[in-house]
Amino acid sequence: AQKLALTSRAFHNETLALFTKFITDFFGYDRVLPMNSGVEAGETACKLIRRWGYEVKKIPKDKAVIVFAEDNFW
């Protein structure tokens, strides 16, 4: 194989830079956080939504509840 399928974000990758530019322009966001796995992405999503709940919805500290489907692979 002459190409890497996946690289660490710790190293500069021109393809990732182009992808980041495309995604932020396409969706109108100013940031993107690429993940290497579904679990990593799901955990980050839980952290972000919990913070949003506390800051925007004013849920009391340590009272946020995240609901998952039964038999989820997590």
PDB file of N, CA and C in Angstrom:
ATOM      1  N   ALA A   1       0.843  -1.183   0.000  1.00  0.00           N
ATOM      2  CA  ALA A   1       0.000   0.000   0.000  1.00  0.00           C
ATOM      3  C   ALA A   1       0.882   1.238   0.000  1.00  0.00           C
ATOM      4  N   GLN A   2       0.548   2.174  -0.827  1.00  0.00           N
ATOM      5  CA  GLN A   2       1.325   3.403  -0.951  1.00  0.00           C
ATOM      6  C   GLN A   2       0.701   4.578  -0.205  1.00  0.00           C
ATOM      7  N   LYS A   3      -0.509   4.415   0.295  1.00  0.00           N
ATOM      8  CA  LYS A   3      -1.196   5.494   0.997  1.00  0.00           C
ATOM      9  C   LYS A   3      -1.667   5.021   2.360  1.00  0.00           C
ATOM     10  N   LEU A   4      -1.641   5.926   3.318  1.00  0.00           N
ATOM     11  CA  LEU A   4      -2.193   5.639   4.635  1.00  0.00           C
ATOM     12  C   LEU A   4      -3.693   5.903   4.617  1.00  0.00           C
ATOM     13  N   ALA A   5      -4.447   5.013   5.213  1.00  0.00           N
ATOM     14  CA  ALA A   5      -5.896   5.200   5.275  1.00  0.00           C
ATOM     15  C   ALA A   5      -6.289   6.114   6.426  1.00  0.00           C
ATOM     16  N   LEU A   6      -5.473   6.134   7.469  1.00  0.00           N
ATOM     17  CA  LEU A   6      -5.809   6.881   8.676  1.00  0.00           C
ATOM     18  C   LEU A   6      -4.527   7.371   9.329  1.00  0.00           C
ATOM     19  N   THR A   7      -4.481   8.629   9.692  1.00  0.00           N
ATOM     20  CA  THR A   7      -3.307   9.167  10.381  1.00  0.00           C
ATOM     21  C   THR A   7      -3.738   9.869  11.656  1.00  0.00           C
ATOM     22  N   SER A   8      -2.802  10.048  12.548  1.00  0.00           N
ATOM     23  CA  SER A   8      -3.061  10.762  13.792  1.00  0.00           C
ATOM     24  C   SER A   8      -3.232  12.245  13.504  1.00  0.00           C
ATOM     25  N   ARG A   9      -4.095  12.891  14.277  1.00  0.00           N
ATOM     26  CA  ARG A   9      -4.244  14.344  14.136  1.00  0.00           C
ATOM     27  C   ARG A   9      -3.049  15.080  14.722  1.00  0.00           C
ATOM     28  N   ALA A  10      -2.125  14.349  15.347  1.00  0.00           N
ATOM     29  CA  ALA A  10      -0.924  14.970  15.908  1.00  0.00           C
ATOM     30  C   ALA A  10       0.043  15.400  14.808  1.00  0.00           C
ATOM     31  N   PHE A  11      -0.140  14.893  13.601  1.00  0.00           N
ATOM     32  CA  PHE A  11       0.730  15.219  12.481  1.00  0.00           C
ATOM     33  C   PHE A  11      -0.056  15.975  11.424  1.00  0.00           C
ATOM     34  N   HIS A  12       0.614  16.928  10.763  1.00  0.00           N
ATOM     35  CA  HIS A  12      -0.050  17.686   9.699  1.00  0.00           C
ATOM     36  C   HIS A  12      -0.419  16.753   8.559  1.00  0.00           C
ATOM     37  N   ASN A  13      -1.594  16.935   8.037  1.00  0.00           N
ATOM     38  CA  ASN A  13      -2.100  16.122   6.947  1.00  0.00           C
ATOM     39  C   ASN A  13      -2.872  17.056   6.022  1.00  0.00           C
ATOM     40  N   GLU A  14      -2.369  17.267   4.824  1.00  0.00           N
ATOM     41  CA  GLU A  14      -2.996  18.208   3.899  1.00  0.00           C
ATOM     42  C   GLU A  14      -4.425  17.783   3.529  1.00  0.00           C
ATOM     43  N   THR A  15      -4.668  16.496   3.429  1.00  0.00           N
ATOM     44  CA  THR A  15      -6.017  16.018   3.112  1.00  0.00           C
ATOM     45  C   THR A  15      -6.991  16.381   4.226  1.00  0.00           C
ATOM     46  N   LEU A  16      -6.564  16.232   5.467  1.00  0.00           N
ATOM     47  CA  LEU A  16      -7.421  16.607   6.593  1.00  0.00           C
ATOM     48  C   LEU A  16      -7.690  18.112   6.582  1.00  0.00           C
ATOM     49  N   ALA A  17      -6.678  18.891   6.242  1.00  0.00           N
ATOM     50  CA  ALA A  17      -6.868  20.345   6.164  1.00  0.00           C
ATOM     51  C   ALA A  17      -7.916  20.699   5.103  1.00  0.00           C
ATOM     52  N   LEU A  18      -7.845  20.055   3.952  1.00  0.00           N
ATOM     53  CA  LEU A  18      -8.827  20.303   2.889  1.00  0.00           C
ATOM     54  C   LEU A  18     -10.229  19.858   3.313  1.00  0.00           C
ATOM     55  N   PHE A  19     -10.312  18.705   3.966  1.00  0.00           N
ATOM     56  CA  PHE A  19     -11.595  18.205   4.465  1.00  0.00           C
ATOM     57  C   PHE A  19     -12.201  19.176   5.474  1.00  0.00           C
ATOM     58  N   THR A  20     -11.379  19.641   6.407  1.00  0.00           N
ATOM     59  CA  THR A  20     -11.834  20.577   7.434  1.00  0.00           C
ATOM     60  C   THR A  20     -12.385  21.852   6.802  1.00  0.00           C
ATOM     61  N   LYS A  21     -11.684  22.379   5.823  1.00  0.00           N
ATOM     62  CA  LYS A  21     -12.137  23.584   5.122  1.00  0.00           C
ATOM     63  C   LYS A  21     -13.475  23.326   4.424  1.00  0.00           C
ATOM     64  N   PHE A  22     -13.579  22.199   3.739  1.00  0.00           N
ATOM     65  CA  PHE A  22     -14.820  21.866   3.035  1.00  0.00           C
ATOM     66  C   PHE A  22     -15.994  21.749   4.006  1.00  0.00           C
ATOM     67  N   ILE A  23     -15.816  21.001   5.082  1.00  0.00           N
ATOM     68  CA  ILE A  23     -16.905  20.759   6.036  1.00  0.00           C
ATOM     69  C   ILE A  23     -17.360  22.054   6.708  1.00  0.00           C
ATOM     70  N   THR A  24     -16.408  22.878   7.148  1.00  0.00           N
ATOM     71  CA  THR A  24     -16.801  24.126   7.816  1.00  0.00           C
ATOM     72  C   THR A  24     -17.503  25.070   6.845  1.00  0.00           C
ATOM     73  N   ASP A  25     -17.031  25.136   5.616  1.00  0.00           N
ATOM     74  CA  ASP A  25     -17.697  25.973   4.613  1.00  0.00           C
ATOM     75  C   ASP A  25     -19.088  25.428   4.276  1.00  0.00           C
ATOM     76  N   PHE A  26     -19.196  24.129   4.099  1.00  0.00           N
ATOM     77  CA  PHE A  26     -20.455  23.502   3.696  1.00  0.00           C
ATOM     78  C   PHE A  26     -21.546  23.693   4.742  1.00  0.00           C
ATOM     79  N   PHE A  27     -21.194  23.493   6.021  1.00  0.00           N
ATOM     80  CA  PHE A  27     -22.193  23.589   7.086  1.00  0.00           C
ATOM     81  C   PHE A  27     -22.257  24.966   7.741  1.00  0.00           C
ATOM     82  N   GLY A  28     -21.326  25.857   7.391  1.00  0.00           N
ATOM     83  CA  GLY A  28     -21.344  27.199   7.951  1.00  0.00           C
ATOM     84  C   GLY A  28     -20.847  27.274   9.384  1.00  0.00           C
ATOM     85  N   TYR A  29     -20.042  26.305   9.795  1.00  0.00           N
ATOM     86  CA  TYR A  29     -19.476  26.310  11.147  1.00  0.00           C
ATOM     87  C   TYR A  29     -18.061  26.867  11.112  1.00  0.00           C
ATOM     88  N   ASP A  30     -17.567  27.281  12.272  1.00  0.00           N
ATOM     89  CA  ASP A  30     -16.203  27.807  12.319  1.00  0.00           C
ATOM     90  C   ASP A  30     -15.193  26.779  12.817  1.00  0.00           C
ATOM     91  N   ARG A  31     -15.664  25.596  13.239  1.00  0.00           N
ATOM     92  CA  ARG A  31     -14.766  24.551  13.744  1.00  0.00           C
ATOM     93  C   ARG A  31     -15.284  23.166  13.378  1.00  0.00           C
ATOM     94  N   VAL A  32     -14.362  22.227  13.381  1.00  0.00           N
ATOM     95  CA  VAL A  32     -14.717  20.822  13.187  1.00  0.00           C
ATOM     96  C   VAL A  32     -13.782  20.001  14.075  1.00  0.00           C
ATOM     97  N   LEU A  33     -14.286  18.902  14.614  1.00  0.00           N
ATOM     98  CA  LEU A  33     -13.466  18.032  15.454  1.00  0.00           C
ATOM     99  C   LEU A  33     -13.543  16.621  14.883  1.00  0.00           C
ATOM    100  N   PRO A  34     -12.621  16.273  13.982  1.00  0.00           N
ATOM    101  CA  PRO A  34     -12.660  14.939  13.382  1.00  0.00           C
ATOM    102  C   PRO A  34     -12.292  13.861  14.402  1.00  0.00           C
ATOM    103  N   MET A  35     -12.928  12.717  14.286  1.00  0.00           N
ATOM    104  CA  MET A  35     -12.689  11.593  15.200  1.00  0.00           C
ATOM    105  C   MET A  35     -12.255  10.375  14.400  1.00  0.00           C
ATOM    106  N   ASN A  36     -11.557   9.476  15.073  1.00  0.00           N
ATOM    107  CA  ASN A  36     -11.077   8.261  14.421  1.00  0.00           C
ATOM    108  C   ASN A  36     -12.005   7.073  14.607  1.00  0.00           C
ATOM    109  N   SER A  37     -12.924   7.144  15.550  1.00  0.00           N
ATOM    110  CA  SER A  37     -13.805   5.997  15.787  1.00  0.00           C
ATOM    111  C   SER A  37     -15.192   6.469  16.200  1.00  0.00           C
ATOM    112  N   GLY A  38     -16.149   5.575  16.063  1.00  0.00           N
ATOM    113  CA  GLY A  38     -17.512   5.896  16.461  1.00  0.00           C
ATOM    114  C   GLY A  38     -17.648   6.127  17.953  1.00  0.00           C
ATOM    115  N   VAL A  39     -16.943   5.324  18.751  1.00  0.00           N
ATOM    116  CA  VAL A  39     -17.013   5.488  20.203  1.00  0.00           C
ATOM    117  C   VAL A  39     -16.422   6.834  20.603  1.00  0.00           C
ATOM    118  N   GLU A  40     -15.287   7.177  20.028  1.00  0.00           N
ATOM    119  CA  GLU A  40     -14.650   8.463  20.317  1.00  0.00           C
ATOM    120  C   GLU A  40     -15.590   9.614  19.952  1.00  0.00           C
ATOM    121  N   ALA A  41     -16.234   9.513  18.827  1.00  0.00           N
ATOM    122  CA  ALA A  41     -17.175  10.550  18.401  1.00  0.00           C
ATOM    123  C   ALA A  41     -18.383  10.610  19.327  1.00  0.00           C
ATOM    124  N   GLY A  42     -18.901   9.451  19.706  1.00  0.00           N
ATOM    125  CA  GLY A  42     -20.053   9.408  20.609  1.00  0.00           C
ATOM    126  C   GLY A  42     -19.750   9.982  21.979  1.00  0.00           C
ATOM    127  N   GLU A  43     -18.578   9.652  22.519  1.00  0.00           N
ATOM    128  CA  GLU A  43     -18.187  10.190  23.827  1.00  0.00           C
ATOM    129  C   GLU A  43     -18.057  11.707  23.774  1.00  0.00           C
ATOM    130  N   THR A  44     -17.460  12.214  22.701  1.00  0.00           N
ATOM    131  CA  THR A  44     -17.315  13.660  22.553  1.00  0.00           C
ATOM    132  C   THR A  44     -18.682  14.316  22.396  1.00  0.00           C
ATOM    133  N   ALA A  45     -19.575  13.696  21.650  1.00  0.00           N
ATOM    134  CA  ALA A  45     -20.929  14.235  21.492  1.00  0.00           C
ATOM    135  C   ALA A  45     -21.637  14.317  22.838  1.00  0.00           C
ATOM    136  N   CYS A  46     -21.472  13.293  23.682  1.00  0.00           N
ATOM    137  CA  CYS A  46     -22.092  13.310  25.019  1.00  0.00           C
ATOM    138  C   CYS A  46     -21.552  14.460  25.858  1.00  0.00           C
ATOM    139  N   LYS A  47     -20.256  14.686  25.795  1.00  0.00           N
ATOM    140  CA  LYS A  47     -19.653  15.788  26.556  1.00  0.00           C
ATOM    141  C   LYS A  47     -20.173  17.137  26.067  1.00  0.00           C
ATOM    142  N   LEU A  48     -20.252  17.283  24.739  1.00  0.00           N
ATOM    143  CA  LEU A  48     -20.735  18.550  24.180  1.00  0.00           C
ATOM    144  C   LEU A  48     -22.197  18.800  24.531  1.00  0.00           C
ATOM    145  N   ILE A  49     -23.037  17.781  24.415  1.00  0.00           N
ATOM    146  CA  ILE A  49     -24.462  17.985  24.690  1.00  0.00           C
ATOM    147  C   ILE A  49     -24.703  18.213  26.172  1.00  0.00           C
ATOM    148  N   ARG A  50     -23.905  17.563  27.028  1.00  0.00           N
ATOM    149  CA  ARG A  50     -24.032  17.799  28.471  1.00  0.00           C
ATOM    150  C   ARG A  50     -23.677  19.262  28.782  1.00  0.00           C
ATOM    151  N   ARG A  51     -22.584  19.748  28.212  1.00  0.00           N
ATOM    152  CA  ARG A  51     -22.193  21.149  28.430  1.00  0.00           C
ATOM    153  C   ARG A  51     -23.279  22.085  27.919  1.00  0.00           C
ATOM    154  N   TRP A  52     -23.822  21.787  26.735  1.00  0.00           N
ATOM    155  CA  TRP A  52     -24.890  22.613  26.177  1.00  0.00           C
ATOM    156  C   TRP A  52     -26.088  22.636  27.127  1.00  0.00           C
ATOM    157  N   GLY A  53     -26.449  21.496  27.674  1.00  0.00           N
ATOM    158  CA  GLY A  53     -27.573  21.428  28.607  1.00  0.00           C
ATOM    159  C   GLY A  53     -27.361  22.288  29.836  1.00  0.00           C
ATOM    160  N   TYR A  54     -26.157  22.252  30.382  1.00  0.00           N
ATOM    161  CA  TYR A  54     -25.856  23.052  31.570  1.00  0.00           C
ATOM    162  C   TYR A  54     -25.824  24.548  31.247  1.00  0.00           C
ATOM    163  N   GLU A  55     -25.196  24.908  30.123  1.00  0.00           N
ATOM    164  CA  GLU A  55     -25.019  26.330  29.805  1.00  0.00           C
ATOM    165  C   GLU A  55     -26.248  26.968  29.158  1.00  0.00           C
ATOM    166  N   VAL A  56     -26.892  26.269  28.244  1.00  0.00           N
ATOM    167  CA  VAL A  56     -28.005  26.857  27.492  1.00  0.00           C
ATOM    168  C   VAL A  56     -29.353  26.563  28.149  1.00  0.00           C
ATOM    169  N   LYS A  57     -29.579  25.327  28.524  1.00  0.00           N
ATOM    170  CA  LYS A  57     -30.860  24.937  29.119  1.00  0.00           C
ATOM    171  C   LYS A  57     -30.896  25.138  30.629  1.00  0.00           C
ATOM    172  N   LYS A  58     -29.738  25.481  31.204  1.00  0.00           N
ATOM    173  CA  LYS A  58     -29.618  25.761  32.650  1.00  0.00           C
ATOM    174  C   LYS A  58     -29.994  24.551  33.515  1.00  0.00           C
ATOM    175  N   ILE A  59     -29.649  23.355  33.056  1.00  0.00           N
ATOM    176  CA  ILE A  59     -29.843  22.148  33.869  1.00  0.00           C
ATOM    177  C   ILE A  59     -28.917  22.256  35.076  1.00  0.00           C
ATOM    178  N   PRO A  60     -29.389  21.954  36.276  1.00  0.00           N
ATOM    179  CA  PRO A  60     -28.526  22.043  37.470  1.00  0.00           C
ATOM    180  C   PRO A  60     -27.299  21.129  37.344  1.00  0.00           C
ATOM    181  N   LYS A  61     -26.200  21.562  37.934  1.00  0.00           N
ATOM    182  CA  LYS A  61     -24.933  20.822  37.873  1.00  0.00           C
ATOM    183  C   LYS A  61     -25.122  19.369  38.310  1.00  0.00           C
ATOM    184  N   ASP A  62     -24.527  18.462  37.555  1.00  0.00           N
ATOM    185  CA  ASP A  62     -24.560  17.014  37.804  1.00  0.00           C
ATOM    186  C   ASP A  62     -25.958  16.405  37.729  1.00  0.00           C
ATOM    187  N   LYS A  63     -26.893  17.075  37.074  1.00  0.00           N
ATOM    188  CA  LYS A  63     -28.257  16.549  36.944  1.00  0.00           C
ATOM    189  C   LYS A  63     -28.610  16.154  35.507  1.00  0.00           C
ATOM    190  N   ALA A  64     -27.700  16.350  34.570  1.00  0.00           N
ATOM    191  CA  ALA A  64     -27.975  15.984  33.181  1.00  0.00           C
ATOM    192  C   ALA A  64     -28.070  14.468  33.060  1.00  0.00           C
ATOM    193  N   VAL A  65     -28.997  14.001  32.254  1.00  0.00           N
ATOM    194  CA  VAL A  65     -29.180  12.573  32.007  1.00  0.00           C
ATOM    195  C   VAL A  65     -29.086  12.349  30.501  1.00  0.00           C
ATOM    196  N   ILE A  66     -28.263  11.401  30.105  1.00  0.00           N
ATOM    197  CA  ILE A  66     -28.121  11.047  28.693  1.00  0.00           C
ATOM    198  C   ILE A  66     -28.733   9.665  28.517  1.00  0.00           C
ATOM    199  N   VAL A  67     -29.643   9.530  27.568  1.00  0.00           N
ATOM    200  CA  VAL A  67     -30.384   8.288  27.358  1.00  0.00           C
ATOM    201  C   VAL A  67     -29.849   7.584  26.109  1.00  0.00           C
ATOM    202  N   PHE A  68     -29.615   6.281  26.231  1.00  0.00           N
ATOM    203  CA  PHE A  68     -29.144   5.471  25.110  1.00  0.00           C
ATOM    204  C   PHE A  68     -30.142   4.356  24.828  1.00  0.00           C
ATOM    205  N   ALA A  69     -30.111   3.858  23.611  1.00  0.00           N
ATOM    206  CA  ALA A  69     -30.948   2.717  23.256  1.00  0.00           C
ATOM    207  C   ALA A  69     -30.454   1.461  23.976  1.00  0.00           C
ATOM    208  N   GLU A  70     -31.373   0.580  24.305  1.00  0.00           N
ATOM    209  CA  GLU A  70     -31.021  -0.680  24.953  1.00  0.00           C
ATOM    210  C   GLU A  70     -30.128  -1.516  24.030  1.00  0.00           C
ATOM    211  N   ASP A  71     -29.170  -2.218  24.611  1.00  0.00           N
ATOM    212  CA  ASP A  71     -28.217  -3.073  23.891  1.00  0.00           C
ATOM    213  C   ASP A  71     -27.295  -2.287  22.964  1.00  0.00           C
ATOM    214  N   ASN A  72     -27.088  -1.007  23.254  1.00  0.00           N
ATOM    215  CA  ASN A  72     -26.142  -0.199  22.505  1.00  0.00           C
ATOM    216  C   ASN A  72     -24.745  -0.767  22.720  1.00  0.00           C
ATOM    217  N   PHE A  73     -23.857  -0.676  21.740  1.00  0.00           N
ATOM    218  CA  PHE A  73     -22.527  -1.278  21.856  1.00  0.00           C
ATOM    219  C   PHE A  73     -21.635  -0.576  22.866  1.00  0.00           C
ATOM    220  N   TRP A  74     -22.040   0.569  23.403  1.00  0.00           N
ATOM    221  CA  TRP A  74     -21.231   1.228  24.423  1.00  0.00           C
ATOM    222  C   TRP A  74     -21.349   0.455  25.690  1.00  0.00           C
TER     223      TRP A  74
END
